Amino acid sequence: MSASVAKQAGLGLGLFSLALGAAELMAPGRIARALGLNPEGGAATTLKAFGLREAMAGAMLVRGPALSTNVWNRVLGDAMDLGALTLALRTTRKPGAVAGALAFVGSVTALDWWTARALDRETGRALPLDNGMTDVQPA
């Protein structure tokens, strides 16, 4: 993935995050029911929290689509989503819907990962933890 494509992907992922976050914040009960979960059992509250996280990640990406740390933030959020969906498989009345959501989030995670790695290559960073100080020798 070229640097310009990665930057465009970063912006697109930011806009996607804003839209998904808005949906999770505005209709958590509807999403919970679509996944076969009990909205009164905590699923709606979890979806609202995830929606807030998603909207914040989107805002950061729209503001700085070329910053790999903003995309790595999405990768971490994806890991949370995958974990929550895996747990949801235990209690859902619609396992097919949750499995579909897992497949979708897994695909988006791959796109996030590739975008973050492409932006890392552009900036010379290996991971968000690399602060550019790797050449400094301890005293």
C-alpha atoms as a PDB file:
ATOM      1  CA  MET A   1       0.000   0.000   0.000  1.00  0.00           C
ATOM      2  CA  SER A   2       1.520   3.349  -1.018  1.00  0.00           C
ATOM      3  CA  ALA A   3       1.757   6.230   1.446  1.00  0.00           C
ATOM      4  CA  SER A   4      -0.925   8.270  -0.333  1.00  0.00           C
ATOM      5  CA  VAL A   5      -3.301   5.288  -0.432  1.00  0.00           C
ATOM      6  CA  ALA A   6      -2.600   4.630   3.259  1.00  0.00           C
ATOM      7  CA  LYS A   7      -3.392   8.258   4.102  1.00  0.00           C
ATOM      8  CA  GLN A   8      -6.641   8.067   2.124  1.00  0.00           C
ATOM      9  CA  ALA A   9      -7.468   4.788   3.857  1.00  0.00           C
ATOM     10  CA  GLY A  10      -6.794   6.464   7.207  1.00  0.00           C
ATOM     11  CA  LEU A  11      -9.296   9.199   6.376  1.00  0.00           C
ATOM     12  CA  GLY A  12     -11.852   6.651   5.167  1.00  0.00           C
ATOM     13  CA  LEU A  13     -11.406   4.607   8.335  1.00  0.00           C
ATOM     14  CA  GLY A  14     -11.914   7.774  10.365  1.00  0.00           C
ATOM     15  CA  LEU A  15     -15.172   8.571   8.604  1.00  0.00           C
ATOM     16  CA  PHE A  16     -16.282   4.950   8.982  1.00  0.00           C
ATOM     17  CA  SER A  17     -15.502   5.121  12.723  1.00  0.00           C
ATOM     18  CA  LEU A  18     -17.547   8.287  13.122  1.00  0.00           C
ATOM     19  CA  ALA A  19     -20.549   6.689  11.398  1.00  0.00           C
ATOM     20  CA  LEU A  20     -20.266   3.419  13.325  1.00  0.00           C
ATOM     21  CA  GLY A  21     -19.790   5.244  16.609  1.00  0.00           C
ATOM     22  CA  ALA A  22     -22.857   7.379  15.935  1.00  0.00           C
ATOM     23  CA  ALA A  23     -24.936   4.274  15.190  1.00  0.00           C
ATOM     24  CA  GLU A  24     -23.775   2.553  18.376  1.00  0.00           C
ATOM     25  CA  LEU A  25     -24.496   5.665  20.436  1.00  0.00           C
ATOM     26  CA  MET A  26     -27.924   6.342  18.906  1.00  0.00           C
ATOM     27  CA  ALA A  27     -29.309   2.801  18.540  1.00  0.00           C
ATOM     28  CA  PRO A  28     -27.536   0.432  20.945  1.00  0.00           C
ATOM     29  CA  GLY A  29     -30.733  -1.484  21.746  1.00  0.00           C
ATOM     30  CA  ARG A  30     -31.543  -2.050  18.100  1.00  0.00           C
ATOM     31  CA  ILE A  31     -28.006  -3.302  17.399  1.00  0.00           C
ATOM     32  CA  ALA A  32     -28.110  -5.575  20.470  1.00  0.00           C
ATOM     33  CA  ARG A  33     -31.415  -7.086  19.326  1.00  0.00           C
ATOM     34  CA  ALA A  34     -30.048  -7.570  15.779  1.00  0.00           C
ATOM     35  CA  LEU A  35     -27.199  -9.569  17.329  1.00  0.00           C
ATOM     36  CA  GLY A  36     -29.649 -11.612  19.385  1.00  0.00           C
ATOM     37  CA  LEU A  37     -28.554 -10.068  22.678  1.00  0.00           C
ATOM     38  CA  ASN A  38     -30.629  -8.743  25.558  1.00  0.00           C
ATOM     39  CA  PRO A  39     -30.371  -4.924  25.506  1.00  0.00           C
ATOM     40  CA  GLU A  40     -31.416  -4.784  29.153  1.00  0.00           C
ATOM     41  CA  GLY A  41     -28.707  -7.287  30.087  1.00  0.00           C
ATOM     42  CA  GLY A  42     -25.871  -4.841  29.589  1.00  0.00           C
ATOM     43  CA  ALA A  43     -25.365  -5.219  25.848  1.00  0.00           C
ATOM     44  CA  ALA A  44     -26.783  -1.752  25.111  1.00  0.00           C
ATOM     45  CA  THR A  45     -24.525  -0.134  27.714  1.00  0.00           C
ATOM     46  CA  THR A  46     -21.499  -1.917  26.274  1.00  0.00           C
ATOM     47  CA  LEU A  47     -22.463  -0.817  22.765  1.00  0.00           C
ATOM     48  CA  LYS A  48     -22.759   2.804  23.936  1.00  0.00           C
ATOM     49  CA  ALA A  49     -19.280   2.640  25.480  1.00  0.00           C
ATOM     50  CA  PHE A  50     -17.883   1.070  22.322  1.00  0.00           C
ATOM     51  CA  GLY A  51     -19.679   3.741  20.276  1.00  0.00           C
ATOM     52  CA  LEU A  52     -18.026   6.503  22.260  1.00  0.00           C
ATOM     53  CA  ARG A  53     -14.634   4.847  21.780  1.00  0.00           C
ATOM     54  CA  GLU A  54     -15.314   4.432  18.060  1.00  0.00           C
ATOM     55  CA  ALA A  55     -16.405   8.053  17.615  1.00  0.00           C
ATOM     56  CA  MET A  56     -13.295   9.298  19.425  1.00  0.00           C
ATOM     57  CA  ALA A  57     -11.065   7.089  17.270  1.00  0.00           C
ATOM     58  CA  GLY A  58     -12.817   8.440  14.177  1.00  0.00           C
ATOM     59  CA  ALA A  59     -12.335  12.041  15.250  1.00  0.00           C
ATOM     60  CA  MET A  60      -8.634  11.416  15.821  1.00  0.00           C
ATOM     61  CA  LEU A  61      -8.281   9.821  12.397  1.00  0.00           C
ATOM     62  CA  VAL A  62     -10.172  12.559  10.565  1.00  0.00           C
ATOM     63  CA  ARG A  63      -7.913  15.085  12.297  1.00  0.00           C
ATOM     64  CA  GLY A  64      -4.727  13.100  11.543  1.00  0.00           C
ATOM     65  CA  PRO A  65      -5.323  10.405   8.905  1.00  0.00           C
ATOM     66  CA  ALA A  66      -1.593   9.981   8.211  1.00  0.00           C
ATOM     67  CA  LEU A  67      -0.652   9.246  11.840  1.00  0.00           C
ATOM     68  CA  SER A  68      -0.139   5.538  12.321  1.00  0.00           C
ATOM     69  CA  THR A  69      -0.809   5.811  16.059  1.00  0.00           C
ATOM     70  CA  ASN A  70      -4.379   6.856  15.251  1.00  0.00           C
ATOM     71  CA  VAL A  71      -4.826   3.731  13.134  1.00  0.00           C
ATOM     72  CA  TRP A  72      -3.156   1.537  15.775  1.00  0.00           C
ATOM     73  CA  ASN A  73      -5.785   2.912  18.166  1.00  0.00           C
ATOM     74  CA  ARG A  74      -8.418   1.416  15.865  1.00  0.00           C
ATOM     75  CA  VAL A  75      -6.565  -1.924  15.836  1.00  0.00           C
ATOM     76  CA  LEU A  76      -6.742  -2.004  19.642  1.00  0.00           C
ATOM     77  CA  GLY A  77     -10.447  -1.149  19.488  1.00  0.00           C
ATOM     78  CA  ASP A  78     -10.934  -3.935  16.957  1.00  0.00           C
ATOM     79  CA  ALA A  79      -9.347  -6.370  19.410  1.00  0.00           C
ATOM     80  CA  MET A  80     -11.848  -5.262  22.048  1.00  0.00           C
ATOM     81  CA  ASP A  81     -14.717  -5.679  19.587  1.00  0.00           C
ATOM     82  CA  LEU A  82     -13.529  -9.160  18.567  1.00  0.00           C
ATOM     83  CA  GLY A  83     -13.278 -10.180  22.216  1.00  0.00           C
ATOM     84  CA  ALA A  84     -16.743  -8.853  23.045  1.00  0.00           C
ATOM     85  CA  LEU A  85     -18.286 -10.554  20.016  1.00  0.00           C
ATOM     86  CA  THR A  86     -16.578 -13.828  20.905  1.00  0.00           C
ATOM     87  CA  LEU A  87     -18.095 -13.590  24.391  1.00  0.00           C
ATOM     88  CA  ALA A  88     -21.473 -12.725  22.843  1.00  0.00           C
ATOM     89  CA  LEU A  89     -21.466 -16.080  21.054  1.00  0.00           C
ATOM     90  CA  ARG A  90     -22.168 -17.678  24.465  1.00  0.00           C
ATOM     91  CA  THR A  91     -25.472 -15.870  25.038  1.00  0.00           C
ATOM     92  CA  THR A  92     -26.813 -14.811  21.656  1.00  0.00           C
ATOM     93  CA  ARG A  93     -30.054 -16.112  20.236  1.00  0.00           C
ATOM     94  CA  LYS A  94     -28.650 -15.359  16.761  1.00  0.00           C
ATOM     95  CA  PRO A  95     -25.212 -16.985  16.481  1.00  0.00           C
ATOM     96  CA  GLY A  96     -25.171 -16.440  12.728  1.00  0.00           C
ATOM     97  CA  ALA A  97     -25.525 -12.689  13.183  1.00  0.00           C
ATOM     98  CA  VAL A  98     -22.691 -12.589  15.710  1.00  0.00           C
ATOM     99  CA  ALA A  99     -20.525 -14.796  13.469  1.00  0.00           C
ATOM    100  CA  GLY A 100     -21.185 -12.374  10.600  1.00  0.00           C
ATOM    101  CA  ALA A 101     -20.218  -9.439  12.815  1.00  0.00           C
ATOM    102  CA  LEU A 102     -17.028 -11.298  13.792  1.00  0.00           C
ATOM    103  CA  ALA A 103     -16.164 -11.846  10.124  1.00  0.00           C
ATOM    104  CA  PHE A 104     -16.830  -8.179   9.321  1.00  0.00           C
ATOM    105  CA  VAL A 105     -14.768  -6.885  12.251  1.00  0.00           C
ATOM    106  CA  GLY A 106     -11.992  -9.327  11.367  1.00  0.00           C
ATOM    107  CA  SER A 107     -11.895  -7.944   7.824  1.00  0.00           C
ATOM    108  CA  VAL A 108     -11.817  -4.361   9.070  1.00  0.00           C
ATOM    109  CA  THR A 109      -9.061  -5.312  11.519  1.00  0.00           C
ATOM    110  CA  ALA A 110      -6.957  -6.566   8.619  1.00  0.00           C
ATOM    111  CA  LEU A 111      -7.488  -3.275   6.756  1.00  0.00           C
ATOM    112  CA  ASP A 112      -6.628  -1.291   9.894  1.00  0.00           C
ATOM    113  CA  TRP A 113      -3.471  -3.368  10.416  1.00  0.00           C
ATOM    114  CA  TRP A 114      -2.290  -2.965   6.816  1.00  0.00           C
ATOM    115  CA  THR A 115      -2.994   0.763   6.887  1.00  0.00           C
ATOM    116  CA  ALA A 116      -1.119   1.230  10.170  1.00  0.00           C
ATOM    117  CA  ARG A 117       1.866  -0.763   8.876  1.00  0.00           C
ATOM    118  CA  ALA A 118       1.926   1.239   5.619  1.00  0.00           C
ATOM    119  CA  LEU A 119       1.906   4.497   7.564  1.00  0.00           C
ATOM    120  CA  ASP A 120       4.658   3.121   9.831  1.00  0.00           C
ATOM    121  CA  ARG A 121       6.793   2.407   6.747  1.00  0.00           C
ATOM    122  CA  GLU A 122       6.185   5.970   5.528  1.00  0.00           C
ATOM    123  CA  THR A 123       7.360   7.482   8.813  1.00  0.00           C
ATOM    124  CA  GLY A 124      10.077   4.915   9.511  1.00  0.00           C
ATOM    125  CA  ARG A 125       8.388   3.699  12.672  1.00  0.00           C
ATOM    126  CA  ALA A 126       8.054   0.020  13.431  1.00  0.00           C
ATOM    127  CA  LEU A 127       5.196   0.260  15.929  1.00  0.00           C
ATOM    128  CA  PRO A 128       3.573   3.089  17.870  1.00  0.00           C
ATOM    129  CA  LEU A 129       5.901   2.251  20.769  1.00  0.00           C
ATOM    130  CA  ASP A 130       8.957   3.167  18.671  1.00  0.00           C
ATOM    131  CA  ASN A 131       9.533   6.814  19.506  1.00  0.00           C
ATOM    132  CA  GLY A 132      12.463   7.221  17.129  1.00  0.00           C
ATOM    133  CA  MET A 133      14.954   6.830  19.964  1.00  0.00           C
ATOM    134  CA  THR A 134      16.122   3.323  18.995  1.00  0.00           C
ATOM    135  CA  ASP A 135      19.584   4.591  18.013  1.00  0.00           C
ATOM    136  CA  VAL A 136      20.225   6.016  21.480  1.00  0.00           C
ATOM    137  CA  GLN A 137      22.569   3.792  23.456  1.00  0.00           C
ATOM    138  CA  PRO A 138      22.117   3.454  27.225  1.00  0.00           C
ATOM    139  CA  ALA A 139      24.802   5.152  29.316  1.00  0.00           C
END
